[in-house]
C-alpha atoms as a PDB file:
ATOM      1  CA  MET A   1     118.174 123.312  97.631  1.00  0.00           C
ATOM      2  CA  LYS A   2     121.022 123.513  94.605  1.00  0.00           C
ATOM      3  CA  LYS A   3     123.895 120.782  94.379  1.00  0.00           C
ATOM      4  CA  ILE A   4     127.312 122.185  96.007  1.00  0.00           C
ATOM      5  CA  ASN A   5     130.871 121.217  95.009  1.00  0.00           C
ATOM      6  CA  VAL A   6     132.438 120.248  98.241  1.00  0.00           C
ATOM      7  CA  ASP A   7     136.115 121.079  96.818  1.00  0.00           C
ATOM      8  CA  GLU A   8     135.009 124.569  95.937  1.00  0.00           C
ATOM      9  CA  HIS A   9     132.419 125.542  98.705  1.00  0.00           C
ATOM     10  CA  HIS A  10     133.716 127.452 101.737  1.00  0.00           C
ATOM     11  CA  GLY A  11     130.863 127.499 104.343  1.00  0.00           C
ATOM     12  CA  ILE A  12     130.403 127.666 107.881  1.00  0.00           C
ATOM     13  CA  CYS A  13     133.414 127.330 109.865  1.00  0.00           C
ATOM     14  CA  ARG A  14     132.964 125.466 113.707  1.00  0.00           C
ATOM     15  CA  THR A  15     135.599 123.983 116.225  1.00  0.00           C
ATOM     16  CA  VAL A  16     135.314 120.897 117.259  1.00  0.00           C
ATOM     17  CA  ASP A  17     134.954 120.696 121.248  1.00  0.00           C
ATOM     18  CA  GLU A  18     137.320 118.177 123.451  1.00  0.00           C
ATOM     19  CA  LEU A  19     134.409 115.317 123.374  1.00  0.00           C
ATOM     20  CA  GLY A  20     134.422 115.409 119.566  1.00  0.00           C
ATOM     21  CA  ARG A  21     131.040 117.511 119.042  1.00  0.00           C
ATOM     22  CA  LEU A  22     130.214 119.919 116.683  1.00  0.00           C
ATOM     23  CA  GLY A  23     127.785 122.569 116.821  1.00  0.00           C
ATOM     24  CA  PHE A  24     125.293 122.540 113.751  1.00  0.00           C
ATOM     25  CA  PRO A  25     124.561 125.902 112.999  1.00  0.00           C
ATOM     26  CA  LYS A  26     120.658 127.543 113.449  1.00  0.00           C
ATOM     27  CA  GLU A  27     120.883 128.139 109.740  1.00  0.00           C
ATOM     28  CA  LEU A  28     121.408 125.042 108.621  1.00  0.00           C
ATOM     29  CA  ARG A  29     119.104 123.122 110.896  1.00  0.00           C
ATOM     30  CA  GLU A  30     116.245 125.562 109.866  1.00  0.00           C
ATOM     31  CA  HIS A  31     117.102 125.138 106.470  1.00  0.00           C
ATOM     32  CA  LEU A  32     116.964 121.495 106.658  1.00  0.00           C
ATOM     33  CA  ASP A  33     114.113 121.014 109.118  1.00  0.00           C
ATOM     34  CA  ILE A  34     116.276 119.709 111.749  1.00  0.00           C
ATOM     35  CA  GLN A  35     114.945 119.600 115.266  1.00  0.00           C
ATOM     36  CA  ALA A  36     116.529 118.658 118.606  1.00  0.00           C
ATOM     37  CA  ARG A  37     116.394 114.663 118.640  1.00  0.00           C
ATOM     38  CA  ASP A  38     116.438 114.107 114.739  1.00  0.00           C
ATOM     39  CA  LYS A  39     118.419 111.913 113.450  1.00  0.00           C
ATOM     40  CA  VAL A  40     121.639 113.030 110.807  1.00  0.00           C
ATOM     41  CA  GLU A  41     123.500 110.781 108.497  1.00  0.00           C
ATOM     42  CA  MET A  42     126.859 111.437 108.391  1.00  0.00           C
ATOM     43  CA  ILE A  43     128.718 110.237 104.885  1.00  0.00           C
ATOM     44  CA  ALA A  44     132.440 110.436 104.699  1.00  0.00           C
ATOM     45  CA  GLY A  45     134.564 111.171 101.169  1.00  0.00           C
ATOM     46  CA  GLU A  46     138.163 111.208 100.902  1.00  0.00           C
ATOM     47  CA  ASN A  47     138.446 114.644 102.381  1.00  0.00           C
ATOM     48  CA  TYR A  48     135.042 115.734 103.304  1.00  0.00           C
ATOM     49  CA  ILE A  49     131.828 114.569 105.268  1.00  0.00           C
ATOM     50  CA  ILE A  50     128.348 115.063 104.210  1.00  0.00           C
ATOM     51  CA  LEU A  51     125.359 115.698 106.963  1.00  0.00           C
ATOM     52  CA  LYS A  52     121.759 115.198 105.946  1.00  0.00           C
ATOM     53  CA  LYS A  53     118.552 114.757 107.737  1.00  0.00           C
ATOM     54  CA  HIS A  54     117.874 111.223 108.236  1.00  0.00           C
ATOM     55  CA  GLN A  55     114.950 109.759 106.478  1.00  0.00           C
ATOM     56  CA  GLU A  56     113.216 106.526 107.757  1.00  0.00           C
ATOM     57  CA  THR A  57     112.776 103.903 104.619  1.00  0.00           C
ATOM     58  CA  CYS A  58     110.630 100.391 104.055  1.00  0.00           C
ATOM     59  CA  VAL A  59     113.175  97.445 104.957  1.00  0.00           C
ATOM     60  CA  PHE A  60     112.310  96.188 101.955  1.00  0.00           C
ATOM     61  CA  CYS A  61     111.960  98.826  98.929  1.00  0.00           C
ATOM     62  CA  MET A  62     113.613 101.332 100.329  1.00  0.00           C
ATOM     63  CA  GLU A  63     110.788 104.040  99.783  1.00  0.00           C
ATOM     64  CA  ARG A  64     110.688 106.832 102.173  1.00  0.00           C
ATOM     65  CA  THR A  65     106.771 107.533 103.396  1.00  0.00           C
ATOM     66  CA  GLU A  66     105.142 108.976 106.464  1.00  0.00           C
ATOM     67  CA  ASP A  67     103.009 106.000 106.736  1.00  0.00           C
ATOM     68  CA  LEU A  68     105.812 103.189 107.841  1.00  0.00           C
ATOM     69  CA  ILE A  69     104.516 100.288 110.136  1.00  0.00           C
ATOM     70  CA  PRO A  70     106.876  98.879 112.750  1.00  0.00           C
ATOM     71  CA  PHE A  71     107.354  95.260 112.968  1.00  0.00           C
ATOM     72  CA  ARG A  72     109.961  93.478 115.237  1.00  0.00           C
ATOM     73  CA  GLU A  73     112.567  96.620 115.403  1.00  0.00           C
ATOM     74  CA  LYS A  74     112.113  97.138 111.439  1.00  0.00           C
ATOM     75  CA  LEU A  75     110.247  99.335 109.196  1.00  0.00           C
ATOM     76  CA  LEU A  76     107.594  98.499 106.694  1.00  0.00           C
ATOM     77  CA  CYS A  77     105.607 100.473 104.074  1.00  0.00           C
ATOM     78  CA  ALA A  78     101.939  99.566 103.747  1.00  0.00           C
ATOM     79  CA  SER A  79     102.411  97.895  99.937  1.00  0.00           C
ATOM     80  CA  CYS A  80     104.931  95.685 101.028  1.00  0.00           C
ATOM     81  CA  LEU A  81     103.119  94.468 104.347  1.00  0.00           C
ATOM     82  CA  GLU A  82     100.196  93.552 101.982  1.00  0.00           C
ATOM     83  CA  GLU A  83     102.615  91.693  99.724  1.00  0.00           C
ATOM     84  CA  LEU A  84     103.828  89.793 102.906  1.00  0.00           C
ATOM     85  CA  CYS A  85     100.556  88.791 103.845  1.00  0.00           C
ATOM     86  CA  GLY A  86      99.623  87.678 100.608  1.00  0.00           C
ATOM     87  CA  LEU A  87     102.697  85.635 100.436  1.00  0.00           C
ATOM     88  CA  THR A  88     101.598  84.078 103.558  1.00  0.00           C
ATOM     89  CA  ALA A  89      98.129  83.291 102.193  1.00  0.00           C
ATOM     90  CA  ASP A  90      99.460  82.004  99.292  1.00  0.00           C
ATOM     91  CA  ASN A  91     101.763  79.773 101.135  1.00  0.00           C
ATOM     92  CA  ARG A  92      98.959  78.055 103.796  1.00  0.00           C
ATOM     93  CA  ALA A  93      96.766  77.518 100.476  1.00  0.00           C
ATOM     94  CA  GLN A  94      99.147  75.583  99.021  1.00  0.00           C
ATOM     95  CA  ASP A  95     100.146  73.445 102.132  1.00  0.00           C
ATOM     96  CA  ALA A  96      96.557  72.637 102.480  1.00  0.00           C
END
């Protein structure tokens, strides 16, 4: 997707309803592969809002990968988990 200058771009216009909701046009949902129940990030600038599909990341390295492992309500990638396991094994060896 090409970079858009938000100050110059005129896109699709929608009206906010009484509950503060905004309909997300089908063309944009399809373009970003956004399905029902997907998370969407909202980033506010001085006079604009950027919407983007949310992608989960590792809590330590911030890598975006399909193989995130849930641990105590956080997500870790396999390499960070392996590194953490190595740290705990090293700590036990030092304590002995």
